[in-house]
């Protein structure tokens, strides 16, 4: 018999990360969804490159940005676009609109976000 669990987190609060950047999240033992919102765009320069051991799949829920990924180059993304970043690949973004909202999925869970 498969036991089903439904986890609801209507109490998830926005957490400030930096000026003009906030996030909220929900996770299971192996998967994390993070809503990231930039409200200080458009940016003059890209954010610093970073990488992590997590696989990442993301959806642009609002706004426009340029995604920079090592080995791929740069790509303009708009509302409705999806992108994936393999584990360990340096990447960053540059916002092109005042507000950019991204829905990020990570596996495994990003303990550094908890």
PDB file of N, CA and C in Angstrom:
ATOM      1  N   UNK A   1       0.842  -1.179   0.000  1.00  0.00           N
ATOM      2  CA  UNK A   1       0.000   0.000   0.000  1.00  0.00           C
ATOM      3  C   UNK A   1       0.886   1.240   0.000  1.00  0.00           C
ATOM      4  N   UNK A   2       0.579   2.184  -0.851  1.00  0.00           N
ATOM      5  CA  UNK A   2       1.324   3.443  -0.926  1.00  0.00           C
ATOM      6  C   UNK A   2       0.642   4.465  -0.037  1.00  0.00           C
ATOM      7  N   UNK A   3       1.413   4.993   0.878  1.00  0.00           N
ATOM      8  CA  UNK A   3       0.880   6.009   1.784  1.00  0.00           C
ATOM      9  C   UNK A   3       1.120   7.379   1.162  1.00  0.00           C
ATOM     10  N   UNK A   4       0.083   8.187   1.043  1.00  0.00           N
ATOM     11  CA  UNK A   4       0.211   9.521   0.445  1.00  0.00           C
ATOM     12  C   UNK A   4       0.301  10.588   1.522  1.00  0.00           C
ATOM     13  N   UNK A   5       1.153  11.558   1.275  1.00  0.00           N
ATOM     14  CA  UNK A   5       1.292  12.697   2.172  1.00  0.00           C
ATOM     15  C   UNK A   5       1.167  13.964   1.343  1.00  0.00           C
ATOM     16  N   UNK A   6       0.409  14.886   1.820  1.00  0.00           N
ATOM     17  CA  UNK A   6       0.299  16.186   1.163  1.00  0.00           C
ATOM     18  C   UNK A   6       0.857  17.215   2.121  1.00  0.00           C
ATOM     19  N   UNK A   7       1.880  17.933   1.663  1.00  0.00           N
ATOM     20  CA  UNK A   7       2.501  18.955   2.481  1.00  0.00           C
ATOM     21  C   UNK A   7       2.096  20.320   1.947  1.00  0.00           C
ATOM     22  N   UNK A   8       1.470  21.104   2.769  1.00  0.00           N
ATOM     23  CA  UNK A   8       1.083  22.453   2.391  1.00  0.00           C
ATOM     24  C   UNK A   8       1.853  23.429   3.244  1.00  0.00           C
ATOM     25  N   UNK A   9       2.371  24.459   2.633  1.00  0.00           N
ATOM     26  CA  UNK A   9       3.129  25.453   3.383  1.00  0.00           C
ATOM     27  C   UNK A   9       2.615  26.842   3.040  1.00  0.00           C
ATOM     28  N   UNK A  10       1.390  27.120   3.451  1.00  0.00           N
ATOM     29  CA  UNK A  10       0.816  28.435   3.181  1.00  0.00           C
ATOM     30  C   UNK A  10       1.444  29.506   4.056  1.00  0.00           C
ATOM     31  N   UNK A  11       2.217  29.075   5.058  1.00  0.00           N
ATOM     32  CA  UNK A  11       2.848  30.041   5.955  1.00  0.00           C
ATOM     33  C   UNK A  11       4.238  30.458   5.485  1.00  0.00           C
ATOM     34  N   UNK A  12       4.697  29.915   4.364  1.00  0.00           N
ATOM     35  CA  UNK A  12       6.037  30.244   3.873  1.00  0.00           C
ATOM     36  C   UNK A  12       6.181  31.752   3.690  1.00  0.00           C
ATOM     37  N   UNK A  13       7.173  32.300   4.345  1.00  0.00           N
ATOM     38  CA  UNK A  13       7.395  33.745   4.316  1.00  0.00           C
ATOM     39  C   UNK A  13       8.525  34.089   3.354  1.00  0.00           C
ATOM     40  N   UNK A  14       8.470  35.290   2.813  1.00  0.00           N
ATOM     41  CA  UNK A  14       9.571  35.800   2.007  1.00  0.00           C
ATOM     42  C   UNK A  14      10.767  36.030   2.924  1.00  0.00           C
ATOM     43  N   UNK A  15      11.927  35.615   2.469  1.00  0.00           N
ATOM     44  CA  UNK A  15      13.170  35.839   3.189  1.00  0.00           C
ATOM     45  C   UNK A  15      14.025  36.794   2.379  1.00  0.00           C
ATOM     46  N   UNK A  16      14.400  37.948   2.940  1.00  0.00           N
ATOM     47  CA  UNK A  16      15.301  38.848   2.210  1.00  0.00           C
ATOM     48  C   UNK A  16      16.671  38.189   2.057  1.00  0.00           C
ATOM     49  N   UNK A  17      17.234  38.271   0.857  1.00  0.00           N
ATOM     50  CA  UNK A  17      18.547  37.697   0.570  1.00  0.00           C
ATOM     51  C   UNK A  17      19.575  38.803   0.406  1.00  0.00           C
ATOM     52  N   UNK A  18      19.177  39.871  -0.282  1.00  0.00           N
ATOM     53  CA  UNK A  18      20.008  41.054  -0.541  1.00  0.00           C
ATOM     54  C   UNK A  18      19.037  42.165  -0.920  1.00  0.00           C
ATOM     55  N   UNK A  19      19.502  43.416  -0.973  1.00  0.00           N
ATOM     56  CA  UNK A  19      18.596  44.484  -1.410  1.00  0.00           C
ATOM     57  C   UNK A  19      18.005  44.163  -2.790  1.00  0.00           C
ATOM     58  N   UNK A  20      16.681  44.191  -2.875  1.00  0.00           N
ATOM     59  CA  UNK A  20      16.009  43.913  -4.140  1.00  0.00           C
ATOM     60  C   UNK A  20      15.926  42.446  -4.509  1.00  0.00           C
ATOM     61  N   UNK A  21      16.233  41.542  -3.557  1.00  0.00           N
ATOM     62  CA  UNK A  21      16.193  40.104  -3.824  1.00  0.00           C
ATOM     63  C   UNK A  21      15.621  39.384  -2.607  1.00  0.00           C
ATOM     64  N   UNK A  22      14.578  38.577  -2.860  1.00  0.00           N
ATOM     65  CA  UNK A  22      13.980  37.803  -1.776  1.00  0.00           C
ATOM     66  C   UNK A  22      13.571  36.437  -2.318  1.00  0.00           C
ATOM     67  N   UNK A  23      13.315  35.482  -1.393  1.00  0.00           N
ATOM     68  CA  UNK A  23      12.912  34.142  -1.808  1.00  0.00           C
ATOM     69  C   UNK A  23      12.024  33.504  -0.749  1.00  0.00           C
ATOM     70  N   UNK A  24      11.240  32.527  -1.198  1.00  0.00           N
ATOM     71  CA  UNK A  24      10.513  31.648  -0.288  1.00  0.00           C
ATOM     72  C   UNK A  24      10.576  30.250  -0.877  1.00  0.00           C
ATOM     73  N   UNK A  25      10.412  29.254  -0.009  1.00  0.00           N
ATOM     74  CA  UNK A  25      10.654  27.887  -0.475  1.00  0.00           C
ATOM     75  C   UNK A  25       9.796  26.865   0.235  1.00  0.00           C
ATOM     76  N   UNK A  26       9.767  25.687  -0.377  1.00  0.00           N
ATOM     77  CA  UNK A  26       9.160  24.498   0.209  1.00  0.00           C
ATOM     78  C   UNK A  26      10.001  23.319  -0.268  1.00  0.00           C
ATOM     79  N   UNK A  27      10.062  22.254   0.550  1.00  0.00           N
ATOM     80  CA  UNK A  27      10.874  21.109   0.147  1.00  0.00           C
ATOM     81  C   UNK A  27      10.383  19.810   0.762  1.00  0.00           C
ATOM     82  N   UNK A  28      10.788  18.723   0.135  1.00  0.00           N
ATOM     83  CA  UNK A  28      10.631  17.384   0.688  1.00  0.00           C
ATOM     84  C   UNK A  28      12.037  16.930   1.088  1.00  0.00           C
ATOM     85  N   UNK A  29      12.218  15.644   1.294  1.00  0.00           N
ATOM     86  CA  UNK A  29      13.549  15.152   1.644  1.00  0.00           C
ATOM     87  C   UNK A  29      14.536  15.250   0.487  1.00  0.00           C
ATOM     88  N   UNK A  30      14.042  15.263  -0.770  1.00  0.00           N
ATOM     89  CA  UNK A  30      14.936  15.185  -1.921  1.00  0.00           C
ATOM     90  C   UNK A  30      14.755  16.283  -2.958  1.00  0.00           C
ATOM     91  N   UNK A  31      13.733  17.112  -2.811  1.00  0.00           N
ATOM     92  CA  UNK A  31      13.431  18.121  -3.827  1.00  0.00           C
ATOM     93  C   UNK A  31      13.050  19.430  -3.159  1.00  0.00           C
ATOM     94  N   UNK A  32      13.525  20.533  -3.738  1.00  0.00           N
ATOM     95  CA  UNK A  32      13.223  21.863  -3.202  1.00  0.00           C
ATOM     96  C   UNK A  32      12.715  22.755  -4.325  1.00  0.00           C
ATOM     97  N   UNK A  33      11.666  23.515  -4.037  1.00  0.00           N
ATOM     98  CA  UNK A  33      11.162  24.552  -4.939  1.00  0.00           C
ATOM     99  C   UNK A  33      11.393  25.889  -4.251  1.00  0.00           C
ATOM    100  N   UNK A  34      12.003  26.825  -4.989  1.00  0.00           N
ATOM    101  CA  UNK A  34      12.303  28.148  -4.448  1.00  0.00           C
ATOM    102  C   UNK A  34      11.749  29.202  -5.395  1.00  0.00           C
ATOM    103  N   UNK A  35      10.948  30.124  -4.868  1.00  0.00           N
ATOM    104  CA  UNK A  35      10.491  31.277  -5.637  1.00  0.00           C
ATOM    105  C   UNK A  35      11.473  32.403  -5.341  1.00  0.00           C
ATOM    106  N   UNK A  36      12.159  32.880  -6.384  1.00  0.00           N
ATOM    107  CA  UNK A  36      13.148  33.948  -6.252  1.00  0.00           C
ATOM    108  C   UNK A  36      12.595  35.176  -6.947  1.00  0.00           C
ATOM    109  N   UNK A  37      12.613  36.313  -6.256  1.00  0.00           N
ATOM    110  CA  UNK A  37      12.070  37.542  -6.837  1.00  0.00           C
ATOM    111  C   UNK A  37      13.094  38.670  -6.756  1.00  0.00           C
ATOM    112  N   UNK A  38      13.447  39.179  -7.930  1.00  0.00           N
ATOM    113  CA  UNK A  38      14.307  40.363  -8.048  1.00  0.00           C
ATOM    114  C   UNK A  38      13.382  41.559  -8.261  1.00  0.00           C
ATOM    115  N   UNK A  39      13.577  42.640  -7.500  1.00  0.00           N
ATOM    116  CA  UNK A  39      12.721  43.822  -7.657  1.00  0.00           C
ATOM    117  C   UNK A  39      13.538  45.091  -7.873  1.00  0.00           C
ATOM    118  N   UNK A  40      14.795  44.935  -8.234  1.00  0.00           N
ATOM    119  CA  UNK A  40      15.672  46.101  -8.392  1.00  0.00           C
ATOM    120  C   UNK A  40      16.225  46.231  -9.805  1.00  0.00           C
ATOM    121  N   UNK A  41      15.535  45.653 -10.775  1.00  0.00           N
ATOM    122  CA  UNK A  41      16.031  45.692 -12.153  1.00  0.00           C
ATOM    123  C   UNK A  41      15.584  46.936 -12.886  1.00  0.00           C
ATOM    124  N   UNK A  42      16.045  47.097 -14.082  1.00  0.00           N
ATOM    125  CA  UNK A  42      17.016  46.232 -14.740  1.00  0.00           C
ATOM    126  C   UNK A  42      18.423  46.450 -14.186  1.00  0.00           C
ATOM    127  N   UNK A  43      19.212  45.381 -14.199  1.00  0.00           N
ATOM    128  CA  UNK A  43      20.574  45.438 -13.670  1.00  0.00           C
ATOM    129  C   UNK A  43      21.533  45.976 -14.731  1.00  0.00           C
ATOM    130  N   UNK A  44      22.549  46.695 -14.280  1.00  0.00           N
ATOM    131  CA  UNK A  44      23.575  47.192 -15.201  1.00  0.00           C
ATOM    132  C   UNK A  44      24.579  46.112 -15.556  1.00  0.00           C
ATOM    133  N   UNK A  45      24.848  45.222 -14.603  1.00  0.00           N
ATOM    134  CA  UNK A  45      25.803  44.135 -14.830  1.00  0.00           C
ATOM    135  C   UNK A  45      25.213  42.839 -14.272  1.00  0.00           C
ATOM    136  N   UNK A  46      25.690  41.693 -14.741  1.00  0.00           N
ATOM    137  CA  UNK A  46      25.213  40.420 -14.195  1.00  0.00           C
ATOM    138  C   UNK A  46      25.640  40.241 -12.739  1.00  0.00           C
ATOM    139  N   UNK A  47      24.901  39.420 -12.009  1.00  0.00           N
ATOM    140  CA  UNK A  47      25.316  39.002 -10.673  1.00  0.00           C
ATOM    141  C   UNK A  47      26.607  38.193 -10.819  1.00  0.00           C
ATOM    142  N   UNK A  48      27.358  38.002  -9.739  1.00  0.00           N
ATOM    143  CA  UNK A  48      28.567  37.171  -9.822  1.00  0.00           C
ATOM    144  C   UNK A  48      28.220  35.713 -10.170  1.00  0.00           C
ATOM    145  N   UNK A  49      29.105  35.066 -10.912  1.00  0.00           N
ATOM    146  CA  UNK A  49      28.917  33.653 -11.220  1.00  0.00           C
ATOM    147  C   UNK A  49      28.962  32.841  -9.932  1.00  0.00           C
ATOM    148  N   UNK A  50      28.213  31.745  -9.903  1.00  0.00           N
ATOM    149  CA  UNK A  50      28.245  30.801  -8.788  1.00  0.00           C
ATOM    150  C   UNK A  50      27.964  29.411  -9.340  1.00  0.00           C
ATOM    151  N   UNK A  51      28.239  28.397  -8.548  1.00  0.00           N
ATOM    152  CA  UNK A  51      27.879  27.031  -8.921  1.00  0.00           C
ATOM    153  C   UNK A  51      27.563  26.266  -7.647  1.00  0.00           C
ATOM    154  N   UNK A  52      26.927  25.133  -7.808  1.00  0.00           N
ATOM    155  CA  UNK A  52      26.533  24.304  -6.673  1.00  0.00           C
ATOM    156  C   UNK A  52      26.397  22.860  -7.143  1.00  0.00           C
ATOM    157  N   UNK A  53      26.477  21.914  -6.212  1.00  0.00           N
ATOM    158  CA  UNK A  53      26.393  20.503  -6.603  1.00  0.00           C
ATOM    159  C   UNK A  53      24.972  20.040  -6.950  1.00  0.00           C
ATOM    160  N   UNK A  54      23.997  20.911  -6.781  1.00  0.00           N
ATOM    161  CA  UNK A  54      22.598  20.559  -7.029  1.00  0.00           C
ATOM    162  C   UNK A  54      22.261  20.678  -8.509  1.00  0.00           C
ATOM    163  N   UNK A  55      21.395  19.803  -9.002  1.00  0.00           N
ATOM    164  CA  UNK A  55      20.802  19.991 -10.320  1.00  0.00           C
ATOM    165  C   UNK A  55      19.702  21.033 -10.171  1.00  0.00           C
ATOM    166  N   UNK A  56      19.542  21.881 -11.178  1.00  0.00           N
ATOM    167  CA  UNK A  56      18.566  22.969 -11.102  1.00  0.00           C
ATOM    168  C   UNK A  56      17.747  23.020 -12.388  1.00  0.00           C
ATOM    169  N   UNK A  57      16.433  23.122 -12.235  1.00  0.00           N
ATOM    170  CA  UNK A  57      15.514  23.366 -13.349  1.00  0.00           C
ATOM    171  C   UNK A  57      14.669  24.553 -12.940  1.00  0.00           C
ATOM    172  N   UNK A  58      14.524  25.538 -13.847  1.00  0.00           N
ATOM    173  CA  UNK A  58      13.863  26.793 -13.481  1.00  0.00           C
ATOM    174  C   UNK A  58      12.855  27.233 -14.527  1.00  0.00           C
ATOM    175  N   UNK A  59      11.883  28.018 -14.062  1.00  0.00           N
ATOM    176  CA  UNK A  59      10.810  28.575 -14.885  1.00  0.00           C
ATOM    177  C   UNK A  59      10.766  30.079 -14.654  1.00  0.00           C
ATOM    178  N   UNK A  60      10.729  30.845 -15.730  1.00  0.00           N
ATOM    179  CA  UNK A  60      10.611  32.300 -15.616  1.00  0.00           C
ATOM    180  C   UNK A  60       9.118  32.630 -15.486  1.00  0.00           C
ATOM    181  N   UNK A  61       8.705  33.020 -14.273  1.00  0.00           N
ATOM    182  CA  UNK A  61       7.295  33.305 -14.002  1.00  0.00           C
ATOM    183  C   UNK A  61       6.928  34.747 -14.317  1.00  0.00           C
ATOM    184  N   UNK A  62       7.919  35.642 -14.297  1.00  0.00           N
ATOM    185  CA  UNK A  62       7.669  37.067 -14.556  1.00  0.00           C
ATOM    186  C   UNK A  62       8.969  37.716 -14.998  1.00  0.00           C
ATOM    187  N   UNK A  63       8.871  38.627 -15.979  1.00  0.00           N
ATOM    188  CA  UNK A  63      10.009  39.432 -16.383  1.00  0.00           C
ATOM    189  C   UNK A  63      10.889  38.807 -17.448  1.00  0.00           C
ATOM    190  N   UNK A  64      12.048  39.457 -17.639  1.00  0.00           N
ATOM    191  CA  UNK A  64      13.025  39.027 -18.640  1.00  0.00           C
ATOM    192  C   UNK A  64      14.416  39.110 -18.036  1.00  0.00           C
ATOM    193  N   UNK A  65      15.295  38.207 -18.483  1.00  0.00           N
ATOM    194  CA  UNK A  65      16.665  38.196 -17.993  1.00  0.00           C
ATOM    195  C   UNK A  65      17.584  37.604 -19.036  1.00  0.00           C
ATOM    196  N   UNK A  66      18.876  37.734 -18.783  1.00  0.00           N
ATOM    197  CA  UNK A  66      19.880  37.025 -19.568  1.00  0.00           C
ATOM    198  C   UNK A  66      20.509  36.004 -18.638  1.00  0.00           C
ATOM    199  N   UNK A  67      20.520  34.754 -19.083  1.00  0.00           N
ATOM    200  CA  UNK A  67      21.172  33.672 -18.351  1.00  0.00           C
ATOM    201  C   UNK A  67      22.555  33.479 -18.954  1.00  0.00           C
ATOM    202  N   UNK A  68      23.565  33.462 -18.101  1.00  0.00           N
ATOM    203  CA  UNK A  68      24.941  33.189 -18.514  1.00  0.00           C
ATOM    204  C   UNK A  68      25.330  31.850 -17.907  1.00  0.00           C
ATOM    205  N   UNK A  69      25.815  30.920 -18.766  1.00  0.00           N
ATOM    206  CA  UNK A  69      26.206  29.607 -18.265  1.00  0.00           C
ATOM    207  C   UNK A  69      27.501  29.186 -18.944  1.00  0.00           C
ATOM    208  N   UNK A  70      28.481  28.793 -18.122  1.00  0.00           N
ATOM    209  CA  UNK A  70      29.771  28.378 -18.656  1.00  0.00           C
ATOM    210  C   UNK A  70      29.580  27.231 -19.649  1.00  0.00           C
ATOM    211  N   UNK A  71      30.232  27.357 -20.798  1.00  0.00           N
ATOM    212  CA  UNK A  71      30.133  26.334 -21.823  1.00  0.00           C
ATOM    213  C   UNK A  71      28.964  26.513 -22.762  1.00  0.00           C
ATOM    214  N   UNK A  72      28.013  27.366 -22.403  1.00  0.00           N
ATOM    215  CA  UNK A  72      26.820  27.604 -23.224  1.00  0.00           C
ATOM    216  C   UNK A  72      26.812  29.027 -23.762  1.00  0.00           C
ATOM    217  N   UNK A  73      27.293  29.965 -22.951  1.00  0.00           N
ATOM    218  CA  UNK A  73      27.254  31.379 -23.331  1.00  0.00           C
ATOM    219  C   UNK A  73      26.089  32.068 -22.653  1.00  0.00           C
ATOM    220  N   UNK A  74      25.460  32.979 -23.393  1.00  0.00           N
ATOM    221  CA  UNK A  74      24.343  33.731 -22.820  1.00  0.00           C
ATOM    222  C   UNK A  74      23.081  33.523 -23.642  1.00  0.00           C
ATOM    223  N   UNK A  75      21.946  33.618 -22.954  1.00  0.00           N
ATOM    224  CA  UNK A  75      20.650  33.435 -23.611  1.00  0.00           C
ATOM    225  C   UNK A  75      19.626  34.337 -22.950  1.00  0.00           C
ATOM    226  N   UNK A  76      18.881  35.074 -23.767  1.00  0.00           N
ATOM    227  CA  UNK A  76      17.786  35.890 -23.236  1.00  0.00           C
ATOM    228  C   UNK A  76      16.597  34.979 -22.975  1.00  0.00           C
ATOM    229  N   UNK A  77      16.011  35.125 -21.775  1.00  0.00           N
ATOM    230  CA  UNK A  77      14.843  34.350 -21.384  1.00  0.00           C
ATOM    231  C   UNK A  77      13.723  35.288 -20.976  1.00  0.00           C
ATOM    232  N   UNK A  78      12.491  34.898 -21.292  1.00  0.00           N
ATOM    233  CA  UNK A  78      11.320  35.714 -20.983  1.00  0.00           C
ATOM    234  C   UNK A  78      10.278  34.864 -20.259  1.00  0.00           C
ATOM    235  N   UNK A  79       9.257  35.537 -19.751  1.00  0.00           N
ATOM    236  CA  UNK A  79       8.171  34.866 -19.039  1.00  0.00           C
ATOM    237  C   UNK A  79       7.705  33.642 -19.826  1.00  0.00           C
ATOM    238  N   UNK A  80       7.644  32.507 -19.128  1.00  0.00           N
ATOM    239  CA  UNK A  80       7.209  31.258 -19.751  1.00  0.00           C
ATOM    240  C   UNK A  80       8.340  30.348 -20.168  1.00  0.00           C
ATOM    241  N   UNK A  81       9.581  30.855 -20.188  1.00  0.00           N
ATOM    242  CA  UNK A  81      10.726  30.036 -20.582  1.00  0.00           C
ATOM    243  C   UNK A  81      11.197  29.153 -19.434  1.00  0.00           C
ATOM    244  N   UNK A  82      11.823  28.050 -19.799  1.00  0.00           N
ATOM    245  CA  UNK A  82      12.413  27.099 -18.856  1.00  0.00           C
ATOM    246  C   UNK A  82      13.900  26.976 -19.142  1.00  0.00           C
ATOM    247  N   UNK A  83      14.677  26.656 -18.105  1.00  0.00           N
ATOM    248  CA  UNK A  83      16.089  26.340 -18.323  1.00  0.00           C
ATOM    249  C   UNK A  83      16.546  25.332 -17.284  1.00  0.00           C
ATOM    250  N   UNK A  84      17.622  24.619 -17.600  1.00  0.00           N
ATOM    251  CA  UNK A  84      18.188  23.619 -16.692  1.00  0.00           C
ATOM    252  C   UNK A  84      19.680  23.851 -16.567  1.00  0.00           C
ATOM    253  N   UNK A  85      20.202  23.631 -15.357  1.00  0.00           N
ATOM    254  CA  UNK A  85      21.622  23.791 -15.085  1.00  0.00           C
ATOM    255  C   UNK A  85      22.122  22.515 -14.416  1.00  0.00           C
ATOM    256  N   UNK A  86      23.054  21.821 -15.064  1.00  0.00           N
ATOM    257  CA  UNK A  86      23.617  20.620 -14.449  1.00  0.00           C
ATOM    258  C   UNK A  86      24.451  20.958 -13.212  1.00  0.00           C
ATOM    259  N   UNK A  87      24.675  19.969 -12.399  1.00  0.00           N
ATOM    260  CA  UNK A  87      25.486  20.100 -11.196  1.00  0.00           C
ATOM    261  C   UNK A  87      26.875  20.646 -11.519  1.00  0.00           C
ATOM    262  N   UNK A  88      27.319  21.640 -10.719  1.00  0.00           N
ATOM    263  CA  UNK A  88      28.678  22.143 -10.806  1.00  0.00           C
ATOM    264  C   UNK A  88      28.978  23.134 -11.909  1.00  0.00           C
ATOM    265  N   UNK A  89      28.017  23.512 -12.723  1.00  0.00           N
ATOM    266  CA  UNK A  89      28.256  24.431 -13.849  1.00  0.00           C
ATOM    267  C   UNK A  89      28.111  25.877 -13.380  1.00  0.00           C
ATOM    268  N   UNK A  90      29.156  26.714 -13.534  1.00  0.00           N
ATOM    269  CA  UNK A  90      29.044  28.128 -13.162  1.00  0.00           C
ATOM    270  C   UNK A  90      27.977  28.834 -14.011  1.00  0.00           C
ATOM    271  N   UNK A  91      27.172  29.682 -13.337  1.00  0.00           N
ATOM    272  CA  UNK A  91      26.096  30.388 -14.024  1.00  0.00           C
ATOM    273  C   UNK A  91      25.715  31.636 -13.240  1.00  0.00           C
ATOM    274  N   UNK A  92      24.995  32.530 -13.917  1.00  0.00           N
ATOM    275  CA  UNK A  92      24.470  33.728 -13.281  1.00  0.00           C
ATOM    276  C   UNK A  92      23.366  34.314 -14.161  1.00  0.00           C
ATOM    277  N   UNK A  93      22.762  35.399 -13.693  1.00  0.00           N
ATOM    278  CA  UNK A  93      21.733  36.094 -14.460  1.00  0.00           C
ATOM    279  C   UNK A  93      21.961  37.599 -14.402  1.00  0.00           C
ATOM    280  N   UNK A  94      21.358  38.264 -15.370  1.00  0.00           N
ATOM    281  CA  UNK A  94      21.279  39.736 -15.389  1.00  0.00           C
ATOM    282  C   UNK A  94      19.823  40.064 -15.685  1.00  0.00           C
ATOM    283  N   UNK A  95      19.165  40.777 -14.759  1.00  0.00           N
ATOM    284  CA  UNK A  95      17.754  41.118 -14.953  1.00  0.00           C
ATOM    285  C   UNK A  95      17.620  42.235 -15.985  1.00  0.00           C
ATOM    286  N   UNK A  96      16.598  42.124 -16.821  1.00  0.00           N
ATOM    287  CA  UNK A  96      16.338  43.123 -17.870  1.00  0.00           C
ATOM    288  C   UNK A  96      15.092  43.950 -17.594  1.00  0.00           C
ATOM    289  N   UNK A  97      14.287  43.519 -16.625  1.00  0.00           N
ATOM    290  CA  UNK A  97      13.057  44.229 -16.280  1.00  0.00           C
ATOM    291  C   UNK A  97      13.058  44.556 -14.790  1.00  0.00           C
ATOM    292  N   UNK A  98      12.194  45.454 -14.378  1.00  0.00           N
ATOM    293  CA  UNK A  98      12.145  45.882 -12.977  1.00  0.00           C
ATOM    294  C   UNK A  98      11.922  44.706 -12.042  1.00  0.00           C
ATOM    295  N   UNK A  99      10.987  43.824 -12.406  1.00  0.00           N
ATOM    296  CA  UNK A  99      10.695  42.648 -11.591  1.00  0.00           C
ATOM    297  C   UNK A  99      10.981  41.393 -12.401  1.00  0.00           C
ATOM    298  N   UNK A 100      11.694  40.462 -11.785  1.00  0.00           N
ATOM    299  CA  UNK A 100      11.918  39.133 -12.363  1.00  0.00           C
ATOM    300  C   UNK A 100      11.600  38.120 -11.272  1.00  0.00           C
ATOM    301  N   UNK A 101      10.733  37.164 -11.597  1.00  0.00           N
ATOM    302  CA  UNK A 101      10.381  36.106 -10.647  1.00  0.00           C
ATOM    303  C   UNK A 101      10.711  34.763 -11.300  1.00  0.00           C
ATOM    304  N   UNK A 102      11.531  33.974 -10.615  1.00  0.00           N
ATOM    305  CA  UNK A 102      11.967  32.676 -11.115  1.00  0.00           C
ATOM    306  C   UNK A 102      11.514  31.599 -10.133  1.00  0.00           C
ATOM    307  N   UNK A 103      11.007  30.491 -10.663  1.00  0.00           N
ATOM    308  CA  UNK A 103      10.669  29.329  -9.858  1.00  0.00           C
ATOM    309  C   UNK A 103      11.784  28.308 -10.090  1.00  0.00           C
ATOM    310  N   UNK A 104      12.616  28.101  -9.063  1.00  0.00           N
ATOM    311  CA  UNK A 104      13.746  27.178  -9.142  1.00  0.00           C
ATOM    312  C   UNK A 104      13.398  25.858  -8.473  1.00  0.00           C
ATOM    313  N   UNK A 105      13.807  24.755  -9.085  1.00  0.00           N
ATOM    314  CA  UNK A 105      13.711  23.425  -8.482  1.00  0.00           C
ATOM    315  C   UNK A 105      15.125  22.903  -8.313  1.00  0.00           C
ATOM    316  N   UNK A 106      15.417  22.351  -7.137  1.00  0.00           N
ATOM    317  CA  UNK A 106      16.747  21.825  -6.851  1.00  0.00           C
ATOM    318  C   UNK A 106      16.645  20.404  -6.316  1.00  0.00           C
ATOM    319  N   UNK A 107      17.568  19.574  -6.746  1.00  0.00           N
ATOM    320  CA  UNK A 107      17.765  18.267  -6.146  1.00  0.00           C
ATOM    321  C   UNK A 107      19.249  17.995  -6.097  1.00  0.00           C
ATOM    322  N   UNK A 108      19.776  17.548  -4.965  1.00  0.00           N
ATOM    323  CA  UNK A 108      19.077  17.397  -3.693  1.00  0.00           C
ATOM    324  C   UNK A 108      18.712  18.759  -3.096  1.00  0.00           C
ATOM    325  N   UNK A 109      18.076  18.724  -1.952  1.00  0.00           N
ATOM    326  CA  UNK A 109      17.681  19.944  -1.249  1.00  0.00           C
ATOM    327  C   UNK A 109      18.913  20.798  -0.958  1.00  0.00           C
ATOM    328  N   UNK A 110      18.775  22.106  -1.135  1.00  0.00           N
ATOM    329  CA  UNK A 110      19.869  23.037  -0.820  1.00  0.00           C
ATOM    330  C   UNK A 110      19.840  23.347   0.673  1.00  0.00           C
ATOM    331  N   UNK A 111      20.630  22.632   1.412  1.00  0.00           N
ATOM    332  CA  UNK A 111      20.705  22.838   2.861  1.00  0.00           C
ATOM    333  C   UNK A 111      21.125  24.272   3.195  1.00  0.00           C
ATOM    334  N   UNK A 112      21.920  24.903   2.302  1.00  0.00           N
ATOM    335  CA  UNK A 112      22.376  26.273   2.551  1.00  0.00           C
ATOM    336  C   UNK A 112      21.230  27.286   2.498  1.00  0.00           C
ATOM    337  N   UNK A 113      20.072  26.916   1.979  1.00  0.00           N
ATOM    338  CA  UNK A 113      18.903  27.801   1.934  1.00  0.00           C
ATOM    339  C   UNK A 113      18.014  27.651   3.171  1.00  0.00           C
ATOM    340  N   UNK A 114      18.229  26.610   3.952  1.00  0.00           N
ATOM    341  CA  UNK A 114      17.352  26.347   5.094  1.00  0.00           C
ATOM    342  C   UNK A 114      17.782  27.129   6.319  1.00  0.00           C
TER     343      UNK A 114
END
